[in-house]
Amino acid sequence: MVSEAPKIEGLFSEQSRYGTADIGTWYSLIRNNPLTSDCQVIGVGWYKERKGVEHEFLRFDISSPDNQHTCIVIAERSGGGVRSPNSDATQSVDNLAQTDTAVDATASPLTPPETCALSPDVGDSTGSSADESSPPLDKVTQSDGKKKRKINTAQIAASFFSSSKRDDYNRVYFATRISAAGARVEEMCNKPQRLCTLSFTDARPTANELATLLYVTSAQEPKYAIAQTQCYWFVATVFDALKMLYKGTVQDNPTHRGGTIRGVPVAIKASGKEVCAKYREARAALAEEIEQERRLKQEQEEERQREREQRQAAEEAEERARAAEEERQRACKVAQEEIAKLQRELQALRRAGTNTQQA
């Protein structure tokens, strides 16, 4: 018989609506709950919208501590806007270049083509758009009144680099998989294409470790820049970092279409190694923080124990003093009774002597 799903804030709940939070808030929820260290990431999926902005995001399946339940967590980066089930992509605040290619403010890859050694999955020259029916980017045209003008890759790249940086919009969506909320989160993965998956044959990341990785990745580039640090960058950086940090990872499709728009690779910033270093620092700092909290709790418990022992010793001393006083009072009472008895006997003797003399 399957047990009831646990209640772990930020992962498992019985609410009918899925949860959502920015990555920093989610990290705070996860890191402060010791149960999240017993929840393991059992699978990772890299998803890409099939049309429109071709937004990319990650899906994580996370087991409960008793391995009886699964939580779905979707993590993504965008330049603004919110996501909803059955939408073709994140609803972005801007519509870059206003072209038929719908280059999204939420889309961005990780490694530039010249640094693809770090992430061979991104910027693969053989890759094509997730929408296989779409024409190459340099053949897409844009309506301009009655005229059609060609938009080439260089023009799109120029639009990328001319766009200013702005605050990112990194969020997670989470719900228990077999639930009404979980079904709605599943819907977010129905229309997009799953480009590849990552599984773990050795040690698996815990939910706590995953939250740390997402947080340091987000903090690594706090500004969203469509030219380098967009959704492609976020997804590829987290994916690469997982492969670097955990031995025995298995990726099922190393030459997927991630990091492309209409089949054209998009240059992205290489951040995997830096993020791994920041991750290790964060985990070490968290471990030290946890150890300090443990020591503080231990010291507080020891202090409470000393106070309990002192109170107990004082109570025992008071009890002994009370018992001694009661014993003294009993002894006094016995002595008084003995004295009274002797006095009665003495009076009886005196009366007996007086009677004898009178006789």
Protein backbone atom coordinates (compact mmCIF):
# COMPACT_ATOMS: atom_id res chain seq x y z
CA MET A 1 0.00 0.00 0.00
CA VAL A 2 1.41 3.38 -1.03
CA SER A 3 1.79 5.79 1.86
CA GLU A 4 0.47 9.33 1.86
CA ALA A 5 2.76 11.85 0.17
CA PRO A 6 4.90 13.74 2.67
CA LYS A 7 4.44 17.44 3.29
CA ILE A 8 7.75 19.09 2.42
CA GLU A 9 7.55 22.80 1.68
CA GLY A 10 8.83 23.59 -1.79
CA LEU A 11 8.45 19.99 -3.00
CA PHE A 12 5.52 17.90 -1.84
CA SER A 13 2.12 19.22 -0.82
CA GLU A 14 -1.59 18.41 -1.06
CA GLN A 15 -2.58 21.74 -2.61
CA SER A 16 -4.66 21.63 -5.77
CA ARG A 17 -2.48 24.27 -7.44
CA TYR A 18 1.19 23.81 -8.18
CA GLY A 19 3.70 25.90 -6.27
CA THR A 20 5.95 28.51 -7.84
CA ALA A 21 8.74 30.67 -6.47
CA ASP A 22 11.80 32.51 -7.60
CA ILE A 23 14.92 30.39 -7.26
CA GLY A 24 16.32 32.37 -4.31
CA THR A 25 13.12 31.90 -2.30
CA TRP A 26 12.92 28.23 -3.24
CA TYR A 27 16.53 27.73 -2.16
CA SER A 28 15.72 29.24 1.23
CA LEU A 29 12.79 26.84 1.64
CA ILE A 30 14.78 23.78 0.62
CA ARG A 31 18.04 24.48 2.44
CA ASN A 32 16.36 24.99 5.82
CA ASN A 33 14.49 21.68 5.76
CA PRO A 34 16.58 18.63 6.76
CA LEU A 35 14.12 16.32 4.95
CA THR A 36 15.25 17.66 1.57
CA SER A 37 18.60 15.94 2.03
CA ASP A 38 16.68 12.64 1.90
CA CYS A 39 14.93 13.54 -1.39
CA GLN A 40 16.96 12.48 -4.43
CA VAL A 41 16.91 13.66 -8.04
CA ILE A 42 16.09 10.52 -10.03
CA GLY A 43 15.96 12.11 -13.47
CA VAL A 44 16.63 15.32 -15.39
CA GLY A 45 15.01 16.38 -18.66
CA TRP A 46 16.07 19.17 -21.04
CA TYR A 47 13.04 20.60 -22.86
CA LYS A 48 12.64 22.99 -25.78
CA GLU A 49 9.52 24.65 -27.13
CA ARG A 50 8.72 23.39 -30.63
CA LYS A 51 7.78 26.77 -32.08
CA GLY A 52 7.62 30.45 -31.35
CA VAL A 53 10.36 31.57 -29.01
CA GLU A 54 11.77 28.02 -28.65
CA HIS A 55 12.20 28.59 -24.93
CA GLU A 56 14.22 25.96 -23.05
CA PHE A 57 13.85 24.71 -19.48
CA LEU A 58 14.75 21.81 -17.18
CA ARG A 59 12.55 19.26 -15.50
CA PHE A 60 13.67 17.38 -12.39
CA ASP A 61 11.92 14.33 -10.95
CA ILE A 62 12.64 14.06 -7.24
CA SER A 63 11.80 11.12 -4.97
CA SER A 64 10.34 11.39 -1.49
CA PRO A 65 12.43 10.19 1.49
CA ASP A 66 10.56 6.84 1.47
CA ASN A 67 10.84 6.51 -2.35
CA GLN A 68 7.07 6.10 -2.57
CA HIS A 69 6.30 9.44 -4.23
CA THR A 70 7.77 11.75 -6.86
CA CYS A 71 7.83 15.52 -7.11
CA ILE A 72 8.19 17.40 -10.40
CA VAL A 73 10.30 20.56 -10.37
CA ILE A 74 10.61 22.75 -13.46
CA ALA A 75 13.38 25.36 -13.46
CA GLU A 76 13.82 28.11 -16.01
CA ARG A 77 15.22 31.55 -16.71
CA SER A 78 13.60 34.34 -18.67
CA GLY A 79 13.87 38.06 -19.09
CA GLY A 80 10.44 38.62 -17.61
CA GLY A 81 6.96 37.15 -17.62
CA VAL A 82 5.32 34.04 -16.27
CA ARG A 83 4.63 30.59 -17.57
CA SER A 84 1.38 28.67 -17.59
CA PRO A 85 0.36 25.16 -18.62
CA ASN A 86 -0.39 24.64 -22.32
CA SER A 87 1.40 27.85 -23.27
CA ASP A 88 3.82 27.55 -26.15
CA ALA A 89 6.45 29.44 -24.21
CA THR A 90 7.04 31.81 -21.37
CA GLN A 91 5.09 35.02 -21.87
CA SER A 92 7.95 37.45 -22.33
CA VAL A 93 7.82 41.16 -21.61
CA ASP A 94 9.55 42.02 -24.84
CA ASN A 95 9.38 40.75 -28.37
CA LEU A 96 12.87 41.19 -29.73
CA ALA A 97 13.18 42.29 -33.37
CA GLN A 98 9.43 41.60 -33.94
CA THR A 99 10.33 38.95 -36.51
CA ASP A 100 8.49 35.85 -37.60
CA THR A 101 11.24 33.89 -35.88
CA ALA A 102 9.92 35.29 -32.57
CA VAL A 103 13.34 35.38 -30.93
CA ASP A 104 12.45 35.26 -27.26
CA ALA A 105 13.81 37.29 -24.38
CA THR A 106 13.72 34.05 -22.46
CA ALA A 107 15.95 32.13 -24.83
CA SER A 108 19.69 31.76 -24.49
CA PRO A 109 22.36 29.05 -24.72
CA LEU A 110 25.46 28.39 -22.63
CA THR A 111 28.75 28.08 -24.46
CA PRO A 112 29.84 30.08 -27.47
CA PRO A 113 30.64 27.94 -30.53
CA GLU A 114 34.36 28.45 -30.03
CA THR A 115 34.15 27.04 -26.48
CA CYS A 116 31.88 24.12 -27.19
CA ALA A 117 34.41 21.72 -25.71
CA LEU A 118 32.84 22.43 -22.34
CA SER A 119 29.34 21.66 -23.52
CA PRO A 120 29.32 19.76 -26.82
CA ASP A 121 25.53 19.56 -26.66
CA VAL A 122 25.11 23.29 -27.17
CA GLY A 123 25.85 25.14 -30.35
CA ASP A 124 26.29 21.93 -32.35
CA SER A 125 26.59 22.95 -35.98
CA THR A 126 24.61 19.87 -36.96
CA GLY A 127 21.68 20.81 -34.74
CA SER A 128 18.44 22.14 -36.07
CA SER A 129 15.43 23.85 -34.61
CA ALA A 130 13.11 21.91 -32.40
CA ASP A 131 10.52 22.69 -35.03
CA GLU A 132 11.86 20.60 -37.89
CA SER A 133 9.43 22.14 -40.36
CA SER A 134 10.85 25.61 -39.82
CA PRO A 135 13.09 27.09 -42.53
CA PRO A 136 16.68 28.07 -41.73
CA LEU A 137 16.98 31.36 -39.91
CA ASP A 138 18.73 33.15 -42.77
CA LYS A 139 15.80 32.30 -45.07
CA VAL A 140 13.06 33.58 -42.82
CA THR A 141 11.42 36.77 -44.08
CA GLN A 142 9.58 39.50 -42.27
CA SER A 143 6.52 41.37 -43.49
CA ASP A 144 7.13 45.05 -44.08
CA GLY A 145 3.90 46.42 -45.57
CA LYS A 146 3.63 44.76 -48.97
CA LYS A 147 7.33 43.95 -49.13
CA LYS A 148 9.21 40.96 -47.81
CA ARG A 149 12.75 41.44 -46.59
CA LYS A 150 15.22 38.73 -45.66
CA ILE A 151 16.46 38.53 -42.08
CA ASN A 152 19.79 36.78 -41.79
CA THR A 153 21.64 35.34 -38.85
CA ALA A 154 23.97 38.34 -38.62
CA GLN A 155 20.99 40.68 -38.22
CA ILE A 156 19.53 38.56 -35.45
CA ALA A 157 22.94 38.40 -33.76
CA ALA A 158 23.19 42.18 -33.99
CA SER A 159 19.78 42.45 -32.37
CA PHE A 160 20.99 40.12 -29.61
CA PHE A 161 24.05 42.15 -28.79
CA SER A 162 22.25 45.48 -29.03
CA SER A 163 19.72 44.42 -26.40
CA SER A 164 20.48 45.69 -22.92
CA LYS A 165 20.88 43.56 -19.86
CA ARG A 166 18.09 43.45 -17.32
CA ASP A 167 17.19 41.58 -14.16
CA ASP A 168 16.59 37.91 -14.75
CA TYR A 169 13.41 36.04 -13.93
CA ASN A 170 14.49 32.65 -12.63
CA ARG A 171 11.69 30.50 -11.26
CA VAL A 172 10.75 26.99 -10.27
CA TYR A 173 7.38 25.25 -10.47
CA PHE A 174 6.77 22.23 -8.27
CA ALA A 175 4.09 19.72 -7.32
CA THR A 176 3.61 16.11 -6.26
CA ARG A 177 3.49 14.14 -9.51
CA ILE A 178 0.35 12.05 -8.88
CA SER A 179 -1.93 14.93 -7.90
CA ALA A 180 -4.08 17.58 -9.56
CA ALA A 181 -1.25 20.08 -9.22
CA GLY A 182 1.23 17.56 -10.58
CA ALA A 183 -0.93 17.03 -13.66
CA ARG A 184 -0.80 20.76 -14.38
CA VAL A 185 2.99 20.81 -14.08
CA GLU A 186 3.10 17.77 -16.41
CA GLU A 187 1.17 19.84 -18.95
CA MET A 188 4.09 22.26 -19.14
CA CYS A 189 6.14 19.39 -20.62
CA ASN A 190 3.51 18.06 -23.04
CA LYS A 191 3.93 20.41 -25.99
CA PRO A 192 7.68 21.08 -25.77
CA GLN A 193 10.16 18.54 -27.10
CA ARG A 194 12.32 16.65 -24.63
CA LEU A 195 15.77 17.03 -26.14
CA CYS A 196 17.65 14.73 -23.80
CA THR A 197 17.69 13.26 -20.32
CA LEU A 198 20.31 12.84 -17.65
CA SER A 199 20.30 9.88 -15.27
CA PHE A 200 22.60 8.92 -12.42
CA THR A 201 24.21 5.50 -12.02
CA ASP A 202 26.22 6.46 -8.95
CA ALA A 203 25.46 9.11 -6.32
CA ARG A 204 22.36 11.18 -7.06
CA PRO A 205 21.94 14.86 -6.24
CA THR A 206 19.64 15.58 -3.34
CA ALA A 207 16.93 18.22 -3.55
CA ASN A 208 19.05 20.31 -1.20
CA GLU A 209 22.06 20.05 -3.51
CA LEU A 210 19.94 20.81 -6.57
CA ALA A 211 18.55 23.94 -4.92
CA THR A 212 22.11 25.07 -4.19
CA LEU A 213 23.17 24.49 -7.81
CA LEU A 214 20.19 26.38 -9.23
CA TYR A 215 20.80 29.23 -6.82
CA VAL A 216 24.53 29.66 -7.55
CA THR A 217 23.85 29.38 -11.29
CA SER A 218 21.28 32.14 -11.04
CA ALA A 219 23.63 34.26 -8.93
CA GLN A 220 26.54 33.68 -11.32
CA GLU A 221 24.84 35.92 -13.90
CA PRO A 222 22.17 37.99 -12.13
CA LYS A 223 21.47 40.01 -15.27
CA TYR A 224 19.55 38.51 -18.14
CA ALA A 225 21.27 39.16 -21.47
CA ILE A 226 19.71 37.64 -24.54
CA ALA A 227 23.10 37.50 -26.26
CA GLN A 228 24.77 35.26 -23.68
CA THR A 229 22.96 34.56 -20.42
CA GLN A 230 19.41 33.59 -21.29
CA CYS A 231 17.37 30.40 -20.91
CA TYR A 232 19.82 28.40 -23.09
CA TRP A 233 22.71 29.51 -20.89
CA PHE A 234 20.87 28.65 -17.68
CA VAL A 235 19.76 25.20 -18.84
CA ALA A 236 23.10 24.24 -20.36
CA THR A 237 25.08 25.52 -17.38
CA VAL A 238 23.04 23.52 -14.88
CA PHE A 239 23.18 20.45 -17.15
CA ASP A 240 26.96 20.71 -17.58
CA ALA A 241 27.49 21.31 -13.86
CA LEU A 242 25.53 18.17 -12.97
CA LYS A 243 27.74 16.12 -15.29
CA MET A 244 30.87 17.66 -13.78
CA LEU A 245 29.79 17.27 -10.16
CA TYR A 246 28.33 13.75 -10.23
CA LYS A 247 30.21 10.75 -11.56
CA GLY A 248 28.30 8.12 -13.46
CA THR A 249 25.87 10.50 -15.17
CA VAL A 250 24.35 9.16 -18.39
CA GLN A 251 23.03 11.48 -21.12
CA ASP A 252 20.87 9.79 -23.73
CA ASN A 253 21.22 12.28 -26.62
CA PRO A 254 24.55 14.15 -26.70
CA THR A 255 23.88 15.87 -30.06
CA HIS A 256 20.50 17.44 -29.44
CA ARG A 257 19.14 20.77 -30.67
CA GLY A 258 19.55 22.74 -27.48
CA GLY A 259 20.96 26.23 -27.77
CA THR A 260 19.60 26.92 -31.24
CA ILE A 261 16.98 29.21 -32.72
CA ARG A 262 15.47 27.90 -35.95
CA GLY A 263 18.37 25.49 -36.14
CA VAL A 264 21.05 28.18 -35.85
CA PRO A 265 23.40 27.80 -32.85
CA VAL A 266 23.34 30.80 -30.53
CA ALA A 267 26.57 31.88 -28.88
CA ILE A 268 26.44 31.57 -25.11
CA LYS A 269 28.75 32.26 -22.22
CA ALA A 270 30.72 29.34 -20.77
CA SER A 271 30.03 29.19 -17.04
CA GLY A 272 30.05 25.50 -16.07
CA LYS A 273 33.42 25.44 -14.32
CA GLU A 274 32.80 28.71 -12.51
CA VAL A 275 29.38 27.55 -11.34
CA CYS A 276 30.85 24.25 -10.09
CA ALA A 277 33.43 26.18 -8.09
CA LYS A 278 30.75 28.45 -6.64
CA TYR A 279 28.60 25.40 -5.91
CA ARG A 280 31.40 23.75 -3.92
CA GLU A 281 31.98 26.97 -2.01
CA ALA A 282 28.27 27.27 -1.27
CA ARG A 283 28.01 23.66 -0.13
CA ALA A 284 31.08 24.08 2.10
CA ALA A 285 29.63 27.30 3.53
CA LEU A 286 26.28 25.59 4.06
CA ALA A 287 27.96 22.62 5.73
CA GLU A 288 29.84 25.01 8.03
CA GLU A 289 26.62 26.88 8.73
CA ILE A 290 24.83 23.63 9.53
CA GLU A 291 27.74 22.58 11.74
CA GLN A 292 27.67 25.92 13.55
CA GLU A 293 23.93 25.59 14.03
CA ARG A 294 24.46 22.05 15.29
CA ARG A 295 27.14 23.22 17.71
CA LEU A 296 24.96 26.12 18.82
CA LYS A 297 22.00 23.81 19.37
CA GLN A 298 24.27 21.39 21.21
CA GLU A 299 25.63 24.19 23.39
CA GLN A 300 22.12 25.44 24.04
CA GLU A 301 20.97 21.93 24.89
CA GLU A 302 23.99 21.44 27.16
CA GLU A 303 23.22 24.78 28.83
CA ARG A 304 19.58 23.74 29.26
CA GLN A 305 20.79 20.41 30.64
CA ARG A 306 23.06 22.20 33.13
CA GLU A 307 20.16 24.42 34.15
CA ARG A 308 17.95 21.35 34.57
CA GLU A 309 20.64 19.65 36.64
CA GLN A 310 21.11 22.78 38.74
CA ARG A 311 17.36 23.06 39.28
CA GLN A 312 17.22 19.38 40.12
CA ALA A 313 20.15 19.71 42.52
CA ALA A 314 18.52 22.74 44.14
CA GLU A 315 15.22 20.91 44.39
CA GLU A 316 16.96 17.88 45.87
CA ALA A 317 18.82 20.08 48.36
CA GLU A 318 15.57 21.79 49.25
CA GLU A 319 13.91 18.41 49.62
CA ARG A 320 16.73 17.21 51.86
CA ALA A 321 16.49 20.36 53.96
CA ARG A 322 12.73 19.95 54.20
CA ALA A 323 13.15 16.29 55.18
CA ALA A 324 15.79 17.23 57.75
CA GLU A 325 13.52 19.90 59.16
CA GLU A 326 10.65 17.45 59.33
CA GLU A 327 12.93 14.92 61.04
CA ARG A 328 14.09 17.60 63.50
CA GLN A 329 10.50 18.53 64.21
CA ARG A 330 9.58 14.89 64.72
CA ALA A 331 12.56 14.44 67.05
CA CYS A 332 11.54 17.56 68.98
CA LYS A 333 8.00 16.28 69.24
CA VAL A 334 9.23 12.90 70.50
CA ALA A 335 11.50 14.63 73.03
CA GLN A 336 8.66 16.85 74.17
CA GLU A 337 6.42 13.83 74.56
CA GLU A 338 9.13 12.06 76.55
CA ILE A 339 9.58 15.10 78.78
CA ALA A 340 5.83 15.36 79.30
CA LYS A 341 5.74 11.67 80.15
CA LEU A 342 8.57 12.06 82.66
CA GLN A 343 6.84 15.04 84.20
CA ARG A 344 3.62 13.07 84.57
CA GLU A 345 5.54 10.19 86.17
CA LEU A 346 7.34 12.60 88.50
CA GLN A 347 4.06 14.16 89.55
CA ALA A 348 2.62 10.70 90.16
CA LEU A 349 5.61 9.82 92.36
CA ARG A 350 5.22 13.03 94.30
CA ARG A 351 1.56 12.35 94.91
CA ALA A 352 2.39 8.81 96.00
CA GLY A 353 5.06 10.15 98.47
CA THR A 354 2.65 12.67 99.90
CA ASN A 355 0.00 10.02 100.46
CA THR A 356 2.53 7.78 102.19
CA GLN A 357 3.52 10.53 104.61
CA GLN A 358 -0.06 11.31 105.45
CA ALA A 359 -0.74 7.70 106.14
